N, C-alpha and C. Protein backbone atom coordinates (compact mmCIF):
# COMPACT_ATOMS: atom_id res chain seq x y z
N MET A 1 276.30 180.23 151.41
CA MET A 1 275.59 180.38 150.14
C MET A 1 275.76 181.81 149.63
N ALA A 2 276.26 181.95 148.44
CA ALA A 2 276.48 183.27 147.86
C ALA A 2 275.16 183.86 147.37
N THR A 3 275.08 185.18 147.42
CA THR A 3 273.89 185.86 146.92
C THR A 3 274.06 186.13 145.43
N LYS A 4 272.94 186.30 144.75
CA LYS A 4 272.97 186.60 143.31
C LYS A 4 273.56 187.98 143.08
N ASP A 5 274.10 188.16 141.88
CA ASP A 5 274.53 189.50 141.48
C ASP A 5 273.31 190.40 141.40
N ILE A 6 273.52 191.66 141.63
CA ILE A 6 272.44 192.63 141.56
C ILE A 6 272.14 192.90 140.09
N PRO A 7 270.88 192.71 139.69
CA PRO A 7 270.56 192.97 138.28
C PRO A 7 270.67 194.45 137.97
N PRO A 8 271.08 194.77 136.74
CA PRO A 8 271.23 196.19 136.40
C PRO A 8 269.87 196.89 136.32
N PHE A 9 269.81 198.05 136.87
CA PHE A 9 268.65 198.92 136.70
C PHE A 9 269.06 200.33 137.05
N THR A 10 268.27 201.28 136.58
CA THR A 10 268.61 202.68 136.73
C THR A 10 267.65 203.36 137.69
N LEU A 11 268.23 204.12 138.59
CA LEU A 11 267.43 204.96 139.47
C LEU A 11 267.46 206.36 138.87
N SER A 12 266.33 207.04 138.88
CA SER A 12 266.23 208.33 138.21
C SER A 12 266.24 209.48 139.21
N ASP A 13 267.17 210.41 139.00
CA ASP A 13 267.20 211.62 139.82
C ASP A 13 266.05 212.55 139.44
N GLN A 14 265.50 212.39 138.24
CA GLN A 14 264.41 213.25 137.77
C GLN A 14 263.04 212.78 138.24
N SER A 15 262.96 211.59 138.80
CA SER A 15 261.68 211.05 139.24
C SER A 15 261.15 211.83 140.44
N ASP A 16 259.83 211.88 140.55
CA ASP A 16 259.21 212.49 141.73
C ASP A 16 259.37 211.59 142.96
N LEU A 17 259.69 210.31 142.73
CA LEU A 17 259.86 209.37 143.83
C LEU A 17 261.29 209.46 144.38
N PRO A 18 261.44 209.47 145.69
CA PRO A 18 262.79 209.44 146.27
C PRO A 18 263.52 208.16 145.83
N LEU A 19 264.85 208.23 145.82
CA LEU A 19 265.65 207.08 145.39
C LEU A 19 265.33 205.83 146.20
N TRP A 20 265.15 205.98 147.51
CA TRP A 20 264.89 204.80 148.34
C TRP A 20 263.56 204.14 147.96
N VAL A 21 262.57 204.93 147.55
CA VAL A 21 261.27 204.37 147.12
C VAL A 21 261.44 203.65 145.78
N GLN A 22 262.19 204.25 144.87
CA GLN A 22 262.46 203.60 143.58
C GLN A 22 263.14 202.26 143.79
N LEU A 23 264.13 202.24 144.69
CA LEU A 23 264.86 201.01 144.97
C LEU A 23 263.95 199.98 145.63
N ARG A 24 263.17 200.41 146.62
CA ARG A 24 262.24 199.49 147.30
C ARG A 24 261.27 198.89 146.29
N ASP A 25 260.71 199.72 145.41
CA ASP A 25 259.76 199.24 144.42
C ASP A 25 260.41 198.25 143.46
N ARG A 26 261.64 198.53 143.05
CA ARG A 26 262.36 197.64 142.14
C ARG A 26 262.64 196.30 142.81
N MET A 27 263.06 196.35 144.07
CA MET A 27 263.35 195.12 144.79
C MET A 27 262.07 194.32 145.04
N ALA A 28 260.97 195.01 145.33
CA ALA A 28 259.68 194.33 145.50
C ALA A 28 259.30 193.63 144.19
N TYR A 29 259.55 194.31 143.07
CA TYR A 29 259.28 193.71 141.76
C TYR A 29 260.14 192.44 141.58
N LEU A 30 261.42 192.53 141.92
CA LEU A 30 262.31 191.37 141.76
C LEU A 30 261.86 190.20 142.62
N ILE A 31 261.32 190.50 143.78
CA ILE A 31 260.79 189.43 144.65
C ILE A 31 259.50 188.88 144.06
N ASN A 32 258.58 189.76 143.67
CA ASN A 32 257.31 189.32 143.10
C ASN A 32 257.49 188.52 141.82
N SER A 33 258.50 188.89 141.02
CA SER A 33 258.72 188.21 139.74
C SER A 33 259.41 186.87 139.91
N GLY A 34 259.93 186.60 141.10
CA GLY A 34 260.61 185.33 141.34
C GLY A 34 262.11 185.38 141.15
N PHE A 35 262.65 186.55 140.80
CA PHE A 35 264.11 186.67 140.67
C PHE A 35 264.76 186.30 142.00
N TYR A 36 264.23 186.87 143.09
CA TYR A 36 264.66 186.48 144.43
C TYR A 36 263.58 185.55 144.98
N GLN A 37 263.98 184.36 145.40
CA GLN A 37 263.07 183.33 145.88
C GLN A 37 262.88 183.41 147.40
N PRO A 38 261.73 182.93 147.89
CA PRO A 38 261.52 182.88 149.34
C PRO A 38 262.66 182.15 150.04
N GLY A 39 263.13 182.74 151.13
CA GLY A 39 264.23 182.16 151.89
C GLY A 39 265.61 182.56 151.38
N GLU A 40 265.67 183.15 150.19
CA GLU A 40 266.95 183.55 149.62
C GLU A 40 267.51 184.78 150.33
N LYS A 41 268.81 184.79 150.53
CA LYS A 41 269.48 185.93 151.15
C LYS A 41 269.71 187.01 150.12
N LEU A 42 269.37 188.24 150.48
CA LEU A 42 269.59 189.38 149.59
C LEU A 42 271.00 189.91 149.75
N PRO A 43 271.50 190.61 148.74
CA PRO A 43 272.82 191.24 148.88
C PRO A 43 272.80 192.20 150.08
N THR A 44 273.96 192.42 150.65
CA THR A 44 274.04 193.32 151.80
C THR A 44 273.73 194.75 151.38
N VAL A 45 273.39 195.54 152.36
CA VAL A 45 273.13 196.96 152.11
C VAL A 45 274.37 197.60 151.51
N ARG A 46 275.52 197.27 152.04
CA ARG A 46 276.77 197.85 151.54
C ARG A 46 277.01 197.47 150.07
N LYS A 47 276.73 196.21 149.71
CA LYS A 47 276.93 195.77 148.32
C LYS A 47 276.00 196.52 147.39
N TYR A 48 274.71 196.60 147.75
CA TYR A 48 273.77 197.34 146.91
C TYR A 48 274.23 198.80 146.76
N ALA A 49 274.62 199.43 147.85
CA ALA A 49 275.05 200.83 147.81
C ALA A 49 276.27 200.99 146.90
N ALA A 50 277.24 200.10 147.04
CA ALA A 50 278.45 200.19 146.22
C ALA A 50 278.14 199.93 144.74
N ASP A 51 277.37 198.88 144.46
CA ASP A 51 277.08 198.52 143.07
C ASP A 51 276.23 199.57 142.36
N LEU A 52 275.32 200.20 143.09
CA LEU A 52 274.44 201.20 142.47
C LEU A 52 274.95 202.63 142.62
N HIS A 53 276.07 202.78 143.33
CA HIS A 53 276.68 204.10 143.54
C HIS A 53 275.70 205.06 144.21
N ILE A 54 275.07 204.57 145.27
CA ILE A 54 274.16 205.41 146.06
C ILE A 54 274.52 205.27 147.53
N ALA A 55 273.96 206.14 148.34
CA ALA A 55 274.29 206.17 149.76
C ALA A 55 273.80 204.92 150.48
N TYR A 56 274.59 204.49 151.43
CA TYR A 56 274.26 203.35 152.29
C TYR A 56 272.88 203.55 152.93
N ASN A 57 272.63 204.77 153.43
CA ASN A 57 271.36 205.05 154.10
C ASN A 57 270.16 204.92 153.16
N THR A 58 270.35 205.21 151.88
CA THR A 58 269.27 205.07 150.90
C THR A 58 268.87 203.61 150.78
N VAL A 59 269.86 202.73 150.67
CA VAL A 59 269.59 201.30 150.56
C VAL A 59 268.99 200.78 151.87
N SER A 60 269.53 201.23 152.97
CA SER A 60 269.02 200.80 154.27
C SER A 60 267.55 201.16 154.43
N LYS A 61 267.19 202.35 154.01
CA LYS A 61 265.79 202.79 154.09
C LYS A 61 264.89 201.93 153.19
N ALA A 62 265.40 201.58 151.99
CA ALA A 62 264.64 200.70 151.08
C ALA A 62 264.43 199.33 151.72
N TYR A 63 265.47 198.79 152.35
CA TYR A 63 265.35 197.49 153.02
C TYR A 63 264.34 197.57 154.17
N MET A 64 264.39 198.67 154.92
CA MET A 64 263.42 198.82 156.02
C MET A 64 261.99 198.87 155.49
N GLY A 65 261.81 199.55 154.35
CA GLY A 65 260.49 199.60 153.72
C GLY A 65 260.03 198.22 153.27
N LEU A 66 260.94 197.44 152.71
CA LEU A 66 260.60 196.08 152.29
C LEU A 66 260.22 195.22 153.49
N GLU A 67 260.95 195.41 154.58
CA GLU A 67 260.63 194.63 155.78
C GLU A 67 259.28 195.05 156.36
N ARG A 68 259.03 196.33 156.39
CA ARG A 68 257.75 196.85 156.89
C ARG A 68 256.59 196.33 156.05
N ASP A 69 256.81 196.21 154.74
CA ASP A 69 255.77 195.73 153.84
C ASP A 69 255.67 194.21 153.79
N GLY A 70 256.55 193.51 154.52
CA GLY A 70 256.47 192.06 154.60
C GLY A 70 257.21 191.29 153.54
N TYR A 71 257.99 191.96 152.71
CA TYR A 71 258.72 191.29 151.64
C TYR A 71 259.94 190.53 152.15
N VAL A 72 260.59 191.08 153.17
CA VAL A 72 261.82 190.48 153.67
C VAL A 72 261.79 190.42 155.19
N THR A 73 262.70 189.59 155.72
CA THR A 73 262.89 189.47 157.15
C THR A 73 264.37 189.60 157.44
N THR A 74 264.72 190.40 158.43
CA THR A 74 266.11 190.55 158.83
C THR A 74 266.41 189.57 159.95
N VAL A 75 267.48 188.80 159.79
CA VAL A 75 267.94 187.89 160.83
C VAL A 75 269.25 188.45 161.35
N ARG A 76 269.20 188.94 162.57
CA ARG A 76 270.37 189.60 163.16
C ARG A 76 271.61 188.72 163.05
N GLY A 77 272.67 189.28 162.47
CA GLY A 77 273.93 188.57 162.32
C GLY A 77 274.00 187.68 161.09
N SER A 78 272.87 187.47 160.41
CA SER A 78 272.86 186.59 159.24
C SER A 78 272.55 187.30 157.94
N GLY A 79 271.71 188.33 158.00
CA GLY A 79 271.38 189.05 156.79
C GLY A 79 269.88 189.25 156.61
N VAL A 80 269.52 189.62 155.38
CA VAL A 80 268.13 189.90 155.01
C VAL A 80 267.68 188.82 154.04
N PHE A 81 266.53 188.22 154.34
CA PHE A 81 266.02 187.10 153.56
C PHE A 81 264.63 187.40 153.04
N VAL A 82 264.34 186.87 151.85
CA VAL A 82 263.01 187.03 151.25
C VAL A 82 262.01 186.24 152.09
N SER A 83 260.89 186.88 152.41
CA SER A 83 259.84 186.24 153.21
C SER A 83 259.13 185.17 152.39
N ASP A 84 258.42 184.30 153.09
CA ASP A 84 257.62 183.27 152.43
C ASP A 84 256.48 183.89 151.64
N PRO A 85 256.05 183.23 150.55
CA PRO A 85 254.91 183.74 149.78
C PRO A 85 253.70 183.89 150.69
N GLY A 86 252.88 184.85 150.39
CA GLY A 86 251.72 185.10 151.22
C GLY A 86 252.01 186.12 152.30
N ALA A 87 253.30 186.32 152.60
CA ALA A 87 253.66 187.31 153.60
C ALA A 87 253.75 188.70 152.98
N PHE A 88 253.71 188.74 151.64
CA PHE A 88 253.74 190.02 150.95
C PHE A 88 252.75 189.99 149.81
N PRO A 89 252.34 191.16 149.31
CA PRO A 89 251.37 191.21 148.22
C PRO A 89 251.95 190.66 146.93
N ARG A 90 251.62 189.44 146.56
CA ARG A 90 252.24 188.70 145.47
C ARG A 90 252.04 189.32 144.09
N GLU A 91 250.95 189.98 143.86
CA GLU A 91 250.63 190.45 142.52
C GLU A 91 251.13 191.86 142.21
N GLY A 92 252.08 192.36 142.96
CA GLY A 92 252.62 193.67 142.63
C GLY A 92 252.09 194.77 143.52
N GLY A 93 251.21 194.42 144.45
CA GLY A 93 250.75 195.37 145.44
C GLY A 93 250.08 196.59 144.87
N GLN A 94 250.64 197.74 145.18
CA GLN A 94 250.06 199.03 144.82
C GLN A 94 249.87 199.18 143.32
N ALA A 95 250.81 198.71 142.54
CA ALA A 95 250.70 198.82 141.09
C ALA A 95 249.47 198.08 140.58
N ASP A 96 249.22 196.90 141.10
CA ASP A 96 248.04 196.14 140.68
C ASP A 96 246.76 196.88 141.04
N LEU A 97 246.73 197.48 142.22
CA LEU A 97 245.54 198.24 142.62
C LEU A 97 245.31 199.42 141.68
N LEU A 98 246.39 200.11 141.32
CA LEU A 98 246.28 201.24 140.40
C LEU A 98 245.78 200.80 139.03
N VAL A 99 246.30 199.68 138.53
CA VAL A 99 245.87 199.18 137.22
C VAL A 99 244.40 198.79 137.26
N GLU A 100 244.00 198.12 138.31
CA GLU A 100 242.60 197.72 138.43
C GLU A 100 241.67 198.93 138.44
N GLU A 101 242.05 199.95 139.19
CA GLU A 101 241.23 201.18 139.23
C GLU A 101 241.20 201.85 137.87
N PHE A 102 242.35 201.85 137.18
CA PHE A 102 242.42 202.44 135.85
C PHE A 102 241.49 201.72 134.88
N VAL A 103 241.53 200.39 134.89
CA VAL A 103 240.68 199.61 133.99
C VAL A 103 239.21 199.88 134.30
N LYS A 104 238.86 199.91 135.57
CA LYS A 104 237.47 200.19 135.95
C LYS A 104 237.04 201.57 135.45
N SER A 105 237.93 202.54 135.59
CA SER A 105 237.61 203.90 135.13
C SER A 105 237.41 203.93 133.62
N CYS A 106 238.26 203.22 132.88
CA CYS A 106 238.11 203.17 131.42
C CYS A 106 236.77 202.54 131.04
N LEU A 107 236.40 201.47 131.72
CA LEU A 107 235.13 200.81 131.43
C LEU A 107 233.95 201.73 131.74
N GLU A 108 234.06 202.48 132.84
CA GLU A 108 233.00 203.43 133.20
C GLU A 108 232.87 204.54 132.16
N GLU A 109 233.98 204.84 131.47
CA GLU A 109 233.97 205.86 130.41
C GLU A 109 233.40 205.31 129.11
N GLY A 110 233.11 204.01 129.09
CA GLY A 110 232.53 203.40 127.91
C GLY A 110 233.50 202.69 127.01
N MET A 111 234.74 202.57 127.41
CA MET A 111 235.73 201.88 126.58
C MET A 111 235.49 200.37 126.63
N ALA A 112 235.87 199.68 125.56
CA ALA A 112 235.81 198.22 125.52
C ALA A 112 237.11 197.66 126.11
N TYR A 113 237.03 196.47 126.67
CA TYR A 113 238.22 195.84 127.25
C TYR A 113 239.39 195.83 126.25
N ASP A 114 239.12 195.48 125.01
CA ASP A 114 240.18 195.37 124.00
C ASP A 114 240.83 196.70 123.66
N ASP A 115 240.16 197.81 123.92
CA ASP A 115 240.72 199.12 123.60
C ASP A 115 241.67 199.63 124.69
N ILE A 116 241.56 199.10 125.89
CA ILE A 116 242.37 199.60 127.01
C ILE A 116 243.87 199.33 126.79
N PRO A 117 244.29 198.11 126.42
CA PRO A 117 245.72 197.91 126.16
C PRO A 117 246.26 198.80 125.04
N LYS A 118 245.42 199.07 124.04
CA LYS A 118 245.85 199.94 122.94
C LYS A 118 246.12 201.35 123.46
N LEU A 119 245.25 201.83 124.34
CA LEU A 119 245.42 203.15 124.93
C LEU A 119 246.71 203.21 125.75
N VAL A 120 246.94 202.18 126.54
CA VAL A 120 248.15 202.13 127.37
C VAL A 120 249.40 202.09 126.48
N SER A 121 249.38 201.26 125.44
CA SER A 121 250.53 201.17 124.53
C SER A 121 250.83 202.51 123.87
N LYS A 122 249.77 203.21 123.48
CA LYS A 122 249.94 204.52 122.85
C LYS A 122 250.67 205.47 123.79
N HIS A 123 250.27 205.47 125.05
CA HIS A 123 250.88 206.38 126.02
C HIS A 123 252.30 205.96 126.38
N ILE A 124 252.55 204.67 126.41
CA ILE A 124 253.90 204.20 126.69
C ILE A 124 254.84 204.64 125.56
N ARG A 125 254.40 204.46 124.32
CA ARG A 125 255.24 204.89 123.18
C ARG A 125 255.52 206.39 123.25
N LYS A 126 254.49 207.17 123.57
CA LYS A 126 254.65 208.63 123.67
C LYS A 126 255.64 208.99 124.78
N MET A 127 255.50 208.36 125.93
CA MET A 127 256.39 208.66 127.06
C MET A 127 257.82 208.24 126.76
N LYS A 128 258.01 207.11 126.08
CA LYS A 128 259.35 206.66 125.70
C LYS A 128 260.01 207.67 124.78
N ARG A 129 259.24 208.14 123.77
CA ARG A 129 259.78 209.14 122.83
C ARG A 129 260.20 210.39 123.60
N GLU A 130 259.34 210.86 124.48
CA GLU A 130 259.66 212.07 125.25
C GLU A 130 260.90 211.86 126.10
N HIS A 131 261.01 210.68 126.69
CA HIS A 131 262.16 210.38 127.54
C HIS A 131 263.44 210.33 126.71
N GLU A 132 263.37 209.71 125.53
CA GLU A 132 264.54 209.59 124.67
C GLU A 132 264.99 210.92 124.11
N GLU A 133 264.07 211.89 123.98
CA GLU A 133 264.40 213.20 123.46
C GLU A 133 265.12 214.07 124.49
N LYS A 134 265.05 213.69 125.74
CA LYS A 134 265.70 214.49 126.80
C LYS A 134 267.19 214.36 126.77
């Protein structure tokens, strides 16, 4: 069974997050979103490294992080496979926790639920503009 092509995405050298963390987070997102299904074989470390033009060790470290977090399982001699649902945090893990805390903080500040997405959109637009100006 052939593995899916690696979807295009960009890793940022300017990010405060190491490349392996960016890659791990992106792959966790792809698993959580259903792009990679439970039981599906992931591309090899070498393929990811070659396609993304990054070091083999960077991809290997991202895979180890995914395995440690329960997203994938390595089968010696066969490859890396997406774990069954429930074996990993389905709703985005850390990002969901951060959003929940953010919403709670906004509510404690007296904001209405309907105003929170507007605030987030405003900041996203601002950050996009700043990023595009670089």
